[in-house]
Protein backbone atom coordinates (compact mmCIF):
# COMPACT_ATOMS: atom_id res chain seq x y z
CA MET A 1 12.23 -3.79 -0.39
CA VAL A 2 12.54 -0.53 2.23
CA GLU A 3 9.28 -1.16 3.58
CA ILE A 4 9.76 -4.82 4.07
CA THR A 5 12.89 -4.73 5.73
CA ARG A 6 11.23 -1.87 8.29
CA TYR A 7 8.51 -4.25 9.13
CA LEU A 8 11.21 -7.30 9.98
CA ALA A 9 12.76 -4.64 11.79
CA ARG A 10 10.11 -2.98 13.70
CA SER A 11 6.98 -4.64 13.73
CA TRP A 12 9.01 -8.12 14.85
CA LYS A 13 11.26 -6.90 17.02
CA PRO A 14 9.60 -8.73 19.56
CA LEU A 15 10.68 -12.02 18.06
CA HIS A 16 14.06 -10.78 17.29
CA ALA A 17 15.47 -12.46 19.97
CA LEU A 18 14.55 -16.27 19.13
CA PRO A 19 15.49 -18.39 16.86
CA ILE A 20 13.83 -18.59 13.57
CA HIS A 21 13.15 -21.87 13.83
CA ALA A 22 11.74 -21.65 17.28
CA ILE A 23 8.86 -18.95 16.43
CA THR A 24 5.55 -20.59 16.84
CA ARG A 25 2.22 -19.20 15.55
CA SER A 26 1.11 -18.36 18.80
CA ASP A 27 4.21 -15.93 18.88
CA ILE A 28 3.19 -14.77 15.42
CA ASN A 29 -0.76 -14.37 16.32
CA ASN A 30 0.44 -12.37 19.53
CA THR A 31 2.72 -9.87 17.91
CA LEU A 32 -0.22 -9.95 15.38
CA ASN A 33 -3.31 -8.83 17.68
CA ASN A 34 -0.37 -6.20 19.23
CA LEU A 35 0.14 -4.67 16.22
CA ALA A 36 -3.53 -4.53 14.92
CA ARG A 37 -4.76 -2.83 18.06
CA ASN A 38 -1.23 -0.49 18.63
CA ASN A 39 -0.81 0.68 14.59
CA GLY A 40 -3.75 -0.77 12.85
CA LYS A 41 -5.28 -3.80 10.81
CA VAL A 42 -3.70 -2.85 8.00
CA THR A 43 -0.40 -2.51 9.25
CA ALA A 44 -0.56 -5.68 10.82
CA ASP A 45 -1.26 -7.12 7.37
CA SER A 46 1.83 -5.27 5.83
CA ALA A 47 3.90 -7.01 8.78
CA ARG A 48 2.65 -10.72 8.24
CA VAL A 49 3.08 -10.79 4.52
CA ALA A 50 6.93 -9.17 5.21
CA LEU A 51 7.12 -12.00 7.61
CA SER A 52 5.78 -14.53 5.31
CA GLY A 53 8.27 -13.72 2.84
CA LEU A 54 11.21 -14.08 5.03
CA CYS A 55 10.09 -17.52 6.09
CA SER A 56 9.72 -18.69 2.59
CA TRP A 57 13.17 -17.28 1.77
CA ALA A 58 14.45 -19.31 4.57
CA ILE A 59 12.49 -22.84 3.62
CA GLN A 60 13.86 -22.48 0.46
CA TRP A 61 17.52 -22.42 2.47
CA GLU A 62 16.66 -24.60 4.96
CA TYR A 63 16.33 -22.93 7.53
CA LEU A 64 12.65 -23.72 8.17
CA ALA A 65 10.88 -27.07 7.24
CA ALA A 66 7.80 -24.92 7.46
CA ASN A 67 6.02 -21.38 7.33
CA PRO A 68 4.51 -20.33 10.59
CA THR A 69 2.91 -17.51 8.55
CA ALA A 70 0.80 -20.26 6.89
CA GLU A 71 -3.51 -19.94 7.14
CA ILE A 72 -3.23 -16.74 9.37
CA ALA A 73 -5.90 -14.92 8.85
CA SER A 74 -5.82 -11.07 7.40
CA ARG A 75 -6.70 -8.90 10.32
CA ALA A 76 -8.28 -6.45 7.75
CA LYS A 77 -11.38 -6.83 6.15
CA ASN A 78 -11.34 -5.72 2.29
CA GLY A 79 -14.53 -4.91 1.31
CA SER A 80 -16.10 -2.83 -1.77
CA ARG A 81 -15.84 0.83 -1.61
CA LYS A 82 -18.62 2.56 -0.07
CA ARG A 83 -19.09 5.33 -3.23
CA VAL A 84 -16.76 5.12 -6.47
CA LEU A 85 -17.13 8.02 -9.31
CA SER A 86 -19.38 8.03 -11.45
CA GLU A 87 -18.92 8.50 -15.56
CA ALA A 88 -20.08 11.94 -15.46
CA GLU A 89 -18.03 12.73 -12.63
CA LEU A 90 -14.55 10.69 -14.39
CA GLY A 91 -15.59 12.54 -17.95
CA GLU A 92 -15.76 16.03 -15.72
CA ILE A 93 -12.15 15.18 -14.18
CA TRP A 94 -10.81 14.08 -17.59
CA ARG A 95 -12.13 17.22 -19.13
CA ALA A 96 -10.20 19.64 -16.52
CA SER A 97 -7.23 17.90 -16.80
CA ASP A 98 -7.13 18.28 -20.53
CA PRO A 99 -3.54 18.37 -21.53
CA VAL A 100 -1.46 21.57 -21.71
CA PRO A 101 0.47 21.79 -25.16
CA ASN A 102 4.11 21.14 -24.77
CA ARG A 103 4.31 19.95 -21.45
CA SER A 104 5.72 16.43 -20.21
CA PHE A 105 3.90 15.61 -18.00
CA CYS A 106 0.61 15.58 -19.84
CA ARG A 107 1.32 12.24 -21.15
CA TYR A 108 1.07 10.18 -17.91
CA ARG A 109 -2.04 12.08 -17.31
CA PRO A 110 -4.53 8.90 -18.33
CA SER A 111 -2.92 6.57 -16.71
CA ARG A 112 -2.74 8.82 -13.32
CA LEU A 113 -5.81 9.06 -13.42
CA LEU A 114 -7.06 5.46 -14.19
CA THR A 115 -4.57 3.80 -11.51
CA ARG A 116 -4.94 6.60 -9.18
CA VAL A 117 -0.68 7.34 -9.17
CA LYS A 118 0.04 9.57 -6.44
CA ARG A 119 1.36 12.74 -8.09
CA GLY A 120 5.08 12.89 -6.05
CA ILE A 121 5.78 9.01 -7.21
CA CYS A 122 6.89 10.20 -11.15
CA PRO A 123 8.53 13.78 -11.47
CA ALA A 124 6.83 14.27 -14.53
CA LEU A 125 3.18 13.90 -12.77
CA ARG A 126 4.36 17.39 -11.33
CA SER A 127 1.36 19.57 -12.13
CA GLY A 128 2.21 23.12 -13.98
CA PRO A 129 0.29 26.29 -13.37
CA GLN A 130 -3.42 25.98 -13.26
CA ARG A 131 -5.53 27.10 -16.25
CA SER A 132 -8.58 28.86 -15.57
CA ASP A 133 -10.75 26.47 -16.79
CA ARG A 134 -9.56 23.45 -15.17
CA LEU A 135 -11.06 22.31 -11.55
CA SER A 136 -9.24 22.87 -8.54
CA HIS A 137 -7.81 20.33 -6.29
CA SER A 138 -9.80 21.50 -3.43
CA LYS A 139 -13.42 21.72 -5.80
CA LEU A 140 -12.74 17.77 -6.56
CA ALA A 141 -12.00 16.91 -3.18
CA ALA A 142 -15.24 18.51 -2.08
CA GLN A 143 -17.24 16.71 -4.77
C-alpha cells in the first residue's frame, strides 16, 4: 500500500490538477513516457499498475465510467533470464547453507532459497556467524 500511495503521489503528480474524469489516455501515455525516460521502464509500469487500481476503484464507486489505463501497453519487456543456476550450483548453495542446530532462522532456508527472499525482509532470516565450511556471500556472487 505504501508503494501504491508513493506512485500515485509522486509519479502521477502532473495529473493531480485534473479531475479524475478528465484524465485521458493521452495524458497517461505522456506521463508514462516521461517516467520511462527519467526513471526507467519498470517504474513506469509500476506507476501504471497503481493508477489502474485507483481507476478500478473509481469505476466501482461510479466516479469513472471506464478505466483510461485499459489497453495501455507495458513499457518494460519481461523477457526470460539470460542465465539461471544449474542443479549442481543450487546443490552447492543448498549444502553450504546447511542449517546450524538451534538457530531459528534455519527453518526458513529452503523457502528463502527457492523464492529468493531477501535477508532483511524477515528478521528470522538474518544470518548468524559464518561456519568455515560455508560459502561466503562474496564467493557466491563471484560465481
